[in-house]
Each structure stands twice: as C-alpha cells, then as structure tokens.
Amino acid sequence: SLRMAPSGNSPRTSFELVFHFRDLERLGLVDAATGDALIRPSDRLGALYDVAGALVQAVRTPPGLYVTEARPTGFGLHRRRPRRNLLLVTFNDRPQARGLA
C-alpha cells in the first residue's frame, strides 16, 4: 500500500497575530478603493513593537517570518452597521535559499 507523508521543509516557527482594521487603515495598510488589507502572503515580519513604539522582539533574517495567510475573521455584528473589523495573519519561518556552487 502507498503511504503519504509530509515532504519538503516544515516550518519550525508559526504564530498568529490579530489586527484591527481601524489600526490598519490608520497605518495605510488598507486599499482605499477595495477595502482589502494590504498584508499579503510572503510579506516579511521584521519586528514587533508595543503601542508606545518600544521594540518587543526583533526577527532574525534568515530565517525570517513570512505571512502565509491573511484573512478577515471578525465582523463586528454587534454594531448598527456590521462590517469586518479583525484580520487574522499567520506567520511561518522558512529556510534561507541555498545556492549551488
């Protein structure tokens, strides 16, 4: 019988961040015409900062942390005019590309 197993590089680091669309709009990370978040798969995370701007965690590159998924997840249904309000972003590491000599 055949068996399938994962192949390739498996991420060693994976985590998720939740962003509020209001904050993304303030930072210019929402397309004004479509309302879509401008955070896309393969975008790299450089560091995390607190609300006062102090560095919390720098991300080493390589390997780096990259967006693998960004999707709206909350819709503020308790509001008079419900609309999406949260964006869930998943980050994974990936190995540095290796050149052949």
Protein backbone atom coordinates (compact mmCIF):
# COMPACT_ATOMS: atom_id res chain seq x y z
CA SER A 1 0.00 0.00 0.00
CA LEU A 2 1.04 3.57 -0.56
CA ARG A 3 1.56 5.98 2.29
CA MET A 4 1.70 9.74 2.06
CA ALA A 5 3.98 11.71 4.33
CA PRO A 6 4.79 15.40 4.50
CA SER A 7 7.75 16.34 2.39
CA GLY A 8 9.81 19.44 1.96
CA ASN A 9 10.58 21.97 4.64
CA SER A 10 8.30 22.08 7.65
CA PRO A 11 8.13 25.40 9.48
CA ARG A 12 9.79 25.44 12.88
CA THR A 13 8.14 28.67 13.99
CA SER A 14 4.50 29.53 13.47
CA PHE A 15 2.31 32.10 15.17
CA GLU A 16 -0.71 34.28 14.55
CA LEU A 17 -1.39 37.97 15.10
CA VAL A 18 -4.81 39.64 15.09
CA PHE A 19 -5.03 43.18 13.69
CA HIS A 20 -7.96 45.59 13.92
CA PHE A 21 -8.90 47.10 10.55
CA ARG A 22 -9.10 50.55 12.17
CA ASP A 23 -5.39 50.30 13.06
CA LEU A 24 -4.51 49.01 9.59
CA GLU A 25 -6.37 51.94 8.00
CA ARG A 26 -4.52 54.41 10.23
CA LEU A 27 -1.20 52.90 9.09
CA GLY A 28 -2.16 52.98 5.40
CA LEU A 29 -2.38 49.18 5.14
CA VAL A 30 -5.89 49.03 3.66
CA ASP A 31 -6.65 49.65 -0.03
CA ALA A 32 -8.94 52.72 -0.11
CA ALA A 33 -10.76 51.57 -3.26
CA THR A 34 -11.47 47.95 -2.31
CA GLY A 35 -11.16 47.94 1.48
CA ASP A 36 -8.82 44.93 1.30
CA ALA A 37 -5.90 44.65 3.69
CA LEU A 38 -2.53 45.19 2.00
CA ILE A 39 -0.87 42.48 4.10
CA ARG A 40 -0.22 39.62 1.68
CA PRO A 41 1.32 36.13 1.73
CA SER A 42 5.14 36.25 1.57
CA ASP A 43 5.32 39.68 3.31
CA ARG A 44 8.14 39.56 5.89
CA LEU A 45 7.79 40.48 9.57
CA GLY A 46 10.81 42.48 10.71
CA ALA A 47 9.99 43.09 14.38
CA LEU A 48 7.22 43.51 16.95
CA TYR A 49 6.74 46.81 18.81
CA ASP A 50 4.44 47.79 21.68
CA VAL A 51 1.90 50.63 21.39
CA ALA A 52 4.49 53.15 22.63
CA GLY A 53 6.91 52.12 19.86
CA ALA A 54 9.39 50.20 22.01
CA LEU A 55 10.92 47.11 20.45
CA VAL A 56 9.45 43.90 21.88
CA GLN A 57 11.07 41.31 19.60
CA ALA A 58 13.33 41.59 16.58
CA VAL A 59 13.00 38.81 13.99
CA ARG A 60 16.24 37.31 12.70
CA THR A 61 16.56 37.11 8.96
CA PRO A 62 17.40 34.49 7.89
CA PRO A 63 15.30 32.51 8.53
CA GLY A 64 12.73 35.32 8.87
CA LEU A 65 8.99 35.11 9.47
CA TYR A 66 6.67 35.42 6.50
CA VAL A 67 2.91 35.78 6.06
CA THR A 68 1.35 32.52 4.93
CA GLU A 69 -2.29 33.57 5.41
CA ALA A 70 -4.13 36.86 5.97
CA ARG A 71 -7.91 36.69 6.27
CA PRO A 72 -10.71 38.76 7.78
CA THR A 73 -12.13 36.96 10.79
CA GLY A 74 -14.31 39.35 12.81
CA PHE A 75 -17.30 41.23 11.52
CA GLY A 76 -18.48 43.42 14.40
CA LEU A 77 -22.02 42.03 14.26
CA HIS A 78 -22.98 43.94 17.42
CA ARG A 79 -22.67 47.27 15.56
CA ARG A 80 -25.52 49.10 13.86
CA ARG A 81 -23.77 48.69 10.52
CA PRO A 82 -21.82 45.42 10.79
CA ARG A 83 -18.55 45.32 8.88
CA ARG A 84 -15.36 43.37 9.18
CA ASN A 85 -13.10 44.56 11.93
CA LEU A 86 -10.39 41.93 12.52
CA LEU A 87 -7.67 40.46 10.32
CA LEU A 88 -6.01 37.18 11.33
CA VAL A 89 -2.45 36.88 9.99
CA THR A 90 -0.44 33.65 10.21
CA PHE A 91 3.37 33.78 10.06
CA ASN A 92 5.80 30.90 9.43
CA ASP A 93 9.56 30.76 9.13
CA ARG A 94 11.31 29.47 6.05
CA PRO A 95 14.89 28.47 5.42
CA GLN A 96 17.36 30.63 3.56
CA ALA A 97 17.68 29.77 -0.13
CA ARG A 98 20.75 27.72 -0.88
CA GLY A 99 22.82 28.46 -3.93
CA LEU A 100 24.50 25.66 -5.84
CA ALA A 101 28.20 26.15 -6.45
